[in-house]
Amino acid sequence: MNALKKILGLIWIALGVSAGIYLIYFQAVPLFEKGGNDLVPAIIYTFVLAPLISIGMSVFGYYSVTGEFDNV
């Protein structure tokens, strides 16, 4: 079971990085290019949601890989 937790931790880290890339590249950049009223969501995606989601998922995966959840 602990090996499964470590593998899933790596998957969580990969999902965190890919979610950040997706939010910035596919959501925020097109909105920055449009300009106008679309700048506010682009700024929210770039500076609030992408770091929050990426860091949160990656830290959860890191804890799983390092064995913090082995006692649970």
PDB file of N, CA and C in Angstrom:
ATOM      1  N   MET A   1       0.820  -1.195   0.000  1.00  0.00           N
ATOM      2  CA  MET A   1       0.000   0.000   0.000  1.00  0.00           C
ATOM      3  C   MET A   1       0.865   1.260   0.000  1.00  0.00           C
ATOM      4  N   ASN A   2       1.990   1.222   0.718  1.00  0.00           N
ATOM      5  CA  ASN A   2       2.856   2.395   0.754  1.00  0.00           C
ATOM      6  C   ASN A   2       3.486   2.659  -0.605  1.00  0.00           C
ATOM      7  N   ALA A   3       3.769   1.596  -1.367  1.00  0.00           N
ATOM      8  CA  ALA A   3       4.318   1.786  -2.717  1.00  0.00           C
ATOM      9  C   ALA A   3       3.294   2.468  -3.613  1.00  0.00           C
ATOM     10  N   LEU A   4       2.023   2.103  -3.449  1.00  0.00           N
ATOM     11  CA  LEU A   4       0.961   2.742  -4.219  1.00  0.00           C
ATOM     12  C   LEU A   4       0.846   4.221  -3.871  1.00  0.00           C
ATOM     13  N   LYS A   5       0.991   4.544  -2.583  1.00  0.00           N
ATOM     14  CA  LYS A   5       0.949   5.947  -2.159  1.00  0.00           C
ATOM     15  C   LYS A   5       2.089   6.741  -2.779  1.00  0.00           C
ATOM     16  N   LYS A   6       3.265   6.139  -2.883  1.00  0.00           N
ATOM     17  CA  LYS A   6       4.407   6.836  -3.476  1.00  0.00           C
ATOM     18  C   LYS A   6       4.207   7.051  -4.974  1.00  0.00           C
ATOM     19  N   ILE A   7       3.650   6.065  -5.654  1.00  0.00           N
ATOM     20  CA  ILE A   7       3.379   6.214  -7.086  1.00  0.00           C
ATOM     21  C   ILE A   7       2.314   7.282  -7.320  1.00  0.00           C
ATOM     22  N   LEU A   8       1.267   7.245  -6.513  1.00  0.00           N
ATOM     23  CA  LEU A   8       0.223   8.256  -6.643  1.00  0.00           C
ATOM     24  C   LEU A   8       0.740   9.646  -6.264  1.00  0.00           C
ATOM     25  N   GLY A   9       1.706   9.725  -5.364  1.00  0.00           N
ATOM     26  CA  GLY A   9       2.329  11.006  -5.044  1.00  0.00           C
ATOM     27  C   GLY A   9       3.035  11.598  -6.245  1.00  0.00           C
ATOM     28  N   LEU A  10       3.734  10.762  -7.006  1.00  0.00           N
ATOM     29  CA  LEU A  10       4.375  11.246  -8.229  1.00  0.00           C
ATOM     30  C   LEU A  10       3.336  11.713  -9.246  1.00  0.00           C
ATOM     31  N   ILE A  11       2.218  11.008  -9.305  1.00  0.00           N
ATOM     32  CA  ILE A  11       1.151  11.418 -10.212  1.00  0.00           C
ATOM     33  C   ILE A  11       0.569  12.766  -9.783  1.00  0.00           C
ATOM     34  N   TRP A  12       0.404  12.983  -8.462  1.00  0.00           N
ATOM     35  CA  TRP A  12      -0.099  14.268  -7.963  1.00  0.00           C
ATOM     36  C   TRP A  12       0.862  15.398  -8.302  1.00  0.00           C
ATOM     37  N   ILE A  13       2.164  15.146  -8.197  1.00  0.00           N
ATOM     38  CA  ILE A  13       3.143  16.176  -8.552  1.00  0.00           C
ATOM     39  C   ILE A  13       3.035  16.506 -10.033  1.00  0.00           C
ATOM     40  N   ALA A  14       2.923  15.484 -10.870  1.00  0.00           N
ATOM     41  CA  ALA A  14       2.793  15.714 -12.308  1.00  0.00           C
ATOM     42  C   ALA A  14       1.494  16.454 -12.634  1.00  0.00           C
ATOM     43  N   LEU A  15       0.412  16.101 -11.947  1.00  0.00           N
ATOM     44  CA  LEU A  15      -0.857  16.797 -12.169  1.00  0.00           C
ATOM     45  C   LEU A  15      -0.777  18.265 -11.729  1.00  0.00           C
ATOM     46  N   GLY A  16      -0.071  18.520 -10.641  1.00  0.00           N
ATOM     47  CA  GLY A  16       0.085  19.901 -10.181  1.00  0.00           C
ATOM     48  C   GLY A  16       0.839  20.752 -11.182  1.00  0.00           C
ATOM     49  N   VAL A  17       1.924  20.216 -11.708  1.00  0.00           N
ATOM     50  CA  VAL A  17       2.705  20.958 -12.698  1.00  0.00           C
ATOM     51  C   VAL A  17       1.891  21.146 -13.980  1.00  0.00           C
ATOM     52  N   SER A  18       1.222  20.091 -14.421  1.00  0.00           N
ATOM     53  CA  SER A  18       0.456  20.211 -15.665  1.00  0.00           C
ATOM     54  C   SER A  18      -0.754  21.142 -15.499  1.00  0.00           C
ATOM     55  N   ALA A  19      -1.349  21.177 -14.326  1.00  0.00           N
ATOM     56  CA  ALA A  19      -2.461  22.104 -14.090  1.00  0.00           C
ATOM     57  C   ALA A  19      -1.980  23.552 -14.146  1.00  0.00           C
ATOM     58  N   GLY A  20      -0.810  23.817 -13.588  1.00  0.00           N
ATOM     59  CA  GLY A  20      -0.257  25.169 -13.661  1.00  0.00           C
ATOM     60  C   GLY A  20       0.059  25.581 -15.079  1.00  0.00           C
ATOM     61  N   ILE A  21       0.644  24.670 -15.843  1.00  0.00           N
ATOM     62  CA  ILE A  21       0.957  24.964 -17.239  1.00  0.00           C
ATOM     63  C   ILE A  21      -0.330  25.195 -18.028  1.00  0.00           C
ATOM     64  N   TYR A  22      -1.323  24.349 -17.796  1.00  0.00           N
ATOM     65  CA  TYR A  22      -2.594  24.509 -18.499  1.00  0.00           C
ATOM     66  C   TYR A  22      -3.233  25.861 -18.190  1.00  0.00           C
ATOM     67  N   LEU A  23      -3.296  26.220 -16.925  1.00  0.00           N
ATOM     68  CA  LEU A  23      -3.945  27.481 -16.560  1.00  0.00           C
ATOM     69  C   LEU A  23      -3.235  28.685 -17.158  1.00  0.00           C
ATOM     70  N   ILE A  24      -1.930  28.651 -17.168  1.00  0.00           N
ATOM     71  CA  ILE A  24      -1.209  29.805 -17.698  1.00  0.00           C
ATOM     72  C   ILE A  24      -1.219  29.812 -19.215  1.00  0.00           C
ATOM     73  N   TYR A  25      -0.871  28.676 -19.826  1.00  0.00           N
ATOM     74  CA  TYR A  25      -0.685  28.654 -21.270  1.00  0.00           C
ATOM     75  C   TYR A  25      -2.007  28.660 -22.043  1.00  0.00           C
ATOM     76  N   PHE A  26      -2.972  27.875 -21.602  1.00  0.00           N
ATOM     77  CA  PHE A  26      -4.210  27.745 -22.372  1.00  0.00           C
ATOM     78  C   PHE A  26      -5.343  28.635 -21.885  1.00  0.00           C
ATOM     79  N   GLN A  27      -5.257  29.150 -20.677  1.00  0.00           N
ATOM     80  CA  GLN A  27      -6.326  30.005 -20.175  1.00  0.00           C
ATOM     81  C   GLN A  27      -5.918  31.470 -20.083  1.00  0.00           C
ATOM     82  N   ALA A  28      -4.769  31.743 -19.473  1.00  0.00           N
ATOM     83  CA  ALA A  28      -4.397  33.131 -19.217  1.00  0.00           C
ATOM     84  C   ALA A  28      -3.812  33.832 -20.439  1.00  0.00           C
ATOM     85  N   VAL A  29      -2.949  33.155 -21.185  1.00  0.00           N
ATOM     86  CA  VAL A  29      -2.291  33.807 -22.326  1.00  0.00           C
ATOM     87  C   VAL A  29      -3.302  34.277 -23.373  1.00  0.00           C
ATOM     88  N   PRO A  30      -4.293  33.451 -23.771  1.00  0.00           N
ATOM     89  CA  PRO A  30      -5.280  33.977 -24.729  1.00  0.00           C
ATOM     90  C   PRO A  30      -6.064  35.177 -24.192  1.00  0.00           C
ATOM     91  N   LEU A  31      -6.329  35.184 -22.890  1.00  0.00           N
ATOM     92  CA  LEU A  31      -7.046  36.329 -22.317  1.00  0.00           C
ATOM     93  C   LEU A  31      -6.168  37.572 -22.269  1.00  0.00           C
ATOM     94  N   PHE A  32      -4.876  37.405 -22.016  1.00  0.00           N
ATOM     95  CA  PHE A  32      -3.964  38.550 -22.064  1.00  0.00           C
ATOM     96  C   PHE A  32      -3.892  39.121 -23.477  1.00  0.00           C
ATOM     97  N   GLU A  33      -3.927  38.250 -24.478  1.00  0.00           N
ATOM     98  CA  GLU A  33      -3.852  38.715 -25.865  1.00  0.00           C
ATOM     99  C   GLU A  33      -5.110  39.461 -26.283  1.00  0.00           C
ATOM    100  N   LYS A  34      -6.276  39.070 -25.758  1.00  0.00           N
ATOM    101  CA  LYS A  34      -7.518  39.764 -26.076  1.00  0.00           C
ATOM    102  C   LYS A  34      -7.529  41.165 -25.484  1.00  0.00           C
ATOM    103  N   GLY A  35      -7.075  41.270 -24.234  1.00  0.00           N
ATOM    104  CA  GLY A  35      -7.068  42.562 -23.561  1.00  0.00           C
ATOM    105  C   GLY A  35      -8.469  42.966 -23.132  1.00  0.00           C
ATOM    106  N   GLY A  36      -8.636  44.230 -22.841  1.00  0.00           N
ATOM    107  CA  GLY A  36      -9.941  44.758 -22.450  1.00  0.00           C
ATOM    108  C   GLY A  36     -10.403  44.214 -21.116  1.00  0.00           C
ATOM    109  N   ASN A  37     -11.650  43.774 -21.073  1.00  0.00           N
ATOM    110  CA  ASN A  37     -12.241  43.254 -19.838  1.00  0.00           C
ATOM    111  C   ASN A  37     -11.734  41.869 -19.485  1.00  0.00           C
ATOM    112  N   ASP A  38     -10.991  41.238 -20.374  1.00  0.00           N
ATOM    113  CA  ASP A  38     -10.477  39.897 -20.121  1.00  0.00           C
ATOM    114  C   ASP A  38      -9.171  39.896 -19.323  1.00  0.00           C
ATOM    115  N   LEU A  39      -8.656  41.056 -18.995  1.00  0.00           N
ATOM    116  CA  LEU A  39      -7.404  41.104 -18.235  1.00  0.00           C
ATOM    117  C   LEU A  39      -7.576  40.647 -16.787  1.00  0.00           C
ATOM    118  N   VAL A  40      -8.725  40.940 -16.195  1.00  0.00           N
ATOM    119  CA  VAL A  40      -8.935  40.575 -14.793  1.00  0.00           C
ATOM    120  C   VAL A  40      -8.920  39.054 -14.602  1.00  0.00           C
ATOM    121  N   PRO A  41      -9.670  38.266 -15.399  1.00  0.00           N
ATOM    122  CA  PRO A  41      -9.566  36.810 -15.234  1.00  0.00           C
ATOM    123  C   PRO A  41      -8.172  36.277 -15.554  1.00  0.00           C
ATOM    124  N   ALA A  42      -7.495  36.888 -16.509  1.00  0.00           N
ATOM    125  CA  ALA A  42      -6.143  36.446 -16.855  1.00  0.00           C
ATOM    126  C   ALA A  42      -5.190  36.662 -15.684  1.00  0.00           C
ATOM    127  N   ILE A  43      -5.310  37.768 -15.018  1.00  0.00           N
ATOM    128  CA  ILE A  43      -4.468  38.045 -13.856  1.00  0.00           C
ATOM    129  C   ILE A  43      -4.800  37.082 -12.718  1.00  0.00           C
ATOM    130  N   ILE A  44      -6.088  36.796 -12.529  1.00  0.00           N
ATOM    131  CA  ILE A  44      -6.487  35.851 -11.485  1.00  0.00           C
ATOM    132  C   ILE A  44      -5.945  34.461 -11.785  1.00  0.00           C
ATOM    133  N   TYR A  45      -6.056  34.012 -13.044  1.00  0.00           N
ATOM    134  CA  TYR A  45      -5.514  32.706 -13.422  1.00  0.00           C
ATOM    135  C   TYR A  45      -4.011  32.641 -13.184  1.00  0.00           C
ATOM    136  N   THR A  46      -3.310  33.702 -13.573  1.00  0.00           N
ATOM    137  CA  THR A  46      -1.851  33.686 -13.531  1.00  0.00           C
ATOM    138  C   THR A  46      -1.297  33.816 -12.123  1.00  0.00           C
ATOM    139  N   PHE A  47      -1.812  34.744 -11.353  1.00  0.00           N
ATOM    140  CA  PHE A  47      -1.186  35.070 -10.075  1.00  0.00           C
ATOM    141  C   PHE A  47      -1.893  34.492  -8.852  1.00  0.00           C
ATOM    142  N   VAL A  48      -3.093  33.954  -9.012  1.00  0.00           N
ATOM    143  CA  VAL A  48      -3.805  33.384  -7.863  1.00  0.00           C
ATOM    144  C   VAL A  48      -4.020  31.883  -8.034  1.00  0.00           C
ATOM    145  N   LEU A  49      -4.744  31.504  -9.076  1.00  0.00           N
ATOM    146  CA  LEU A  49      -5.147  30.105  -9.212  1.00  0.00           C
ATOM    147  C   LEU A  49      -4.004  29.175  -9.588  1.00  0.00           C
ATOM    148  N   ALA A  50      -3.194  29.547 -10.561  1.00  0.00           N
ATOM    149  CA  ALA A  50      -2.118  28.655 -11.015  1.00  0.00           C
ATOM    150  C   ALA A  50      -1.129  28.336  -9.892  1.00  0.00           C
ATOM    151  N   PRO A  51      -0.605  29.329  -9.169  1.00  0.00           N
ATOM    152  CA  PRO A  51       0.314  28.972  -8.075  1.00  0.00           C
ATOM    153  C   PRO A  51      -0.373  28.205  -6.946  1.00  0.00           C
ATOM    154  N   LEU A  52      -1.591  28.585  -6.616  1.00  0.00           N
ATOM    155  CA  LEU A  52      -2.299  27.918  -5.521  1.00  0.00           C
ATOM    156  C   LEU A  52      -2.541  26.448  -5.840  1.00  0.00           C
ATOM    157  N   ILE A  53      -3.026  26.162  -7.024  1.00  0.00           N
ATOM    158  CA  ILE A  53      -3.312  24.780  -7.409  1.00  0.00           C
ATOM    159  C   ILE A  53      -2.018  23.994  -7.586  1.00  0.00           C
ATOM    160  N   SER A  54      -1.054  24.576  -8.281  1.00  0.00           N
ATOM    161  CA  SER A  54       0.201  23.858  -8.554  1.00  0.00           C
ATOM    162  C   SER A  54       0.966  23.543  -7.278  1.00  0.00           C
ATOM    163  N   ILE A  55       1.119  24.527  -6.429  1.00  0.00           N
ATOM    164  CA  ILE A  55       1.877  24.322  -5.194  1.00  0.00           C
ATOM    165  C   ILE A  55       1.130  23.367  -4.263  1.00  0.00           C
ATOM    166  N   GLY A  56      -0.184  23.521  -4.154  1.00  0.00           N
ATOM    167  CA  GLY A  56      -0.963  22.649  -3.277  1.00  0.00           C
ATOM    168  C   GLY A  56      -0.903  21.196  -3.689  1.00  0.00           C
ATOM    169  N   MET A  57      -1.098  20.928  -4.969  1.00  0.00           N
ATOM    170  CA  MET A  57      -1.061  19.546  -5.439  1.00  0.00           C
ATOM    171  C   MET A  57       0.348  18.964  -5.361  1.00  0.00           C
ATOM    172  N   SER A  58       1.346  19.785  -5.660  1.00  0.00           N
ATOM    173  CA  SER A  58       2.721  19.294  -5.621  1.00  0.00           C
ATOM    174  C   SER A  58       3.180  19.014  -4.196  1.00  0.00           C
ATOM    175  N   VAL A  59       2.801  19.837  -3.251  1.00  0.00           N
ATOM    176  CA  VAL A  59       3.168  19.594  -1.855  1.00  0.00           C
ATOM    177  C   VAL A  59       2.484  18.331  -1.336  1.00  0.00           C
ATOM    178  N   PHE A  60       1.224  18.130  -1.700  1.00  0.00           N
ATOM    179  CA  PHE A  60       0.528  16.912  -1.311  1.00  0.00           C
ATOM    180  C   PHE A  60       1.240  15.687  -1.884  1.00  0.00           C
ATOM    181  N   GLY A  61       1.642  15.756  -3.138  1.00  0.00           N
ATOM    182  CA  GLY A  61       2.384  14.658  -3.756  1.00  0.00           C
ATOM    183  C   GLY A  61       3.738  14.446  -3.113  1.00  0.00           C
ATOM    184  N   TYR A  62       4.413  15.535  -2.760  1.00  0.00           N
ATOM    185  CA  TYR A  62       5.718  15.440  -2.106  1.00  0.00           C
ATOM    186  C   TYR A  62       5.597  14.743  -0.759  1.00  0.00           C
ATOM    187  N   TYR A  63       4.588  15.109   0.015  1.00  0.00           N
ATOM    188  CA  TYR A  63       4.378  14.447   1.305  1.00  0.00           C
ATOM    189  C   TYR A  63       4.085  12.964   1.124  1.00  0.00           C
ATOM    190  N   SER A  64       3.364  12.636   0.089  1.00  0.00           N
ATOM    191  CA  SER A  64       3.065  11.239  -0.176  1.00  0.00           C
ATOM    192  C   SER A  64       4.312  10.482  -0.580  1.00  0.00           C
ATOM    193  N   VAL A  65       5.169  11.083  -1.393  1.00  0.00           N
ATOM    194  CA  VAL A  65       6.395  10.423  -1.843  1.00  0.00           C
ATOM    195  C   VAL A  65       7.382  10.237  -0.690  1.00  0.00           C
ATOM    196  N   THR A  66       7.475  11.212   0.204  1.00  0.00           N
ATOM    197  CA  THR A  66       8.423  11.138   1.301  1.00  0.00           C
ATOM    198  C   THR A  66       7.939  10.263   2.449  1.00  0.00           C
ATOM    199  N   GLY A  67       6.699   9.798   2.396  1.00  0.00           N
ATOM    200  CA  GLY A  67       6.213   8.864   3.398  1.00  0.00           C
ATOM    201  C   GLY A  67       5.539   9.507   4.600  1.00  0.00           C
ATOM    202  N   GLU A  68       5.046  10.716   4.468  1.00  0.00           N
ATOM    203  CA  GLU A  68       4.363  11.380   5.578  1.00  0.00           C
ATOM    204  C   GLU A  68       3.034  10.700   5.899  1.00  0.00           C
ATOM    205  N   PHE A  69       2.436  10.020   4.928  1.00  0.00           N
ATOM    206  CA  PHE A  69       1.127   9.390   5.120  1.00  0.00           C
ATOM    207  C   PHE A  69       1.241   7.900   5.392  1.00  0.00           C
ATOM    208  N   ASP A  70       2.421   7.394   5.701  1.00  0.00           N
ATOM    209  CA  ASP A  70       2.585   5.972   5.923  1.00  0.00           C
ATOM    210  C   ASP A  70       1.899   5.502   7.208  1.00  0.00           C
ATOM    211  N   ASN A  71       1.786   6.345   8.200  1.00  0.00           N
ATOM    212  CA  ASN A  71       1.183   5.959   9.472  1.00  0.00           C
ATOM    213  C   ASN A  71      -0.323   6.013   9.447  1.00  0.00           C
ATOM    214  N   VAL A  72      -0.896   6.637   8.442  1.00  0.00           N
ATOM    215  CA  VAL A  72      -2.348   6.808   8.381  1.00  0.00           C
ATOM    216  C   VAL A  72      -2.998   5.554   7.886  1.00  0.00           C
TER     217      VAL A  72
END
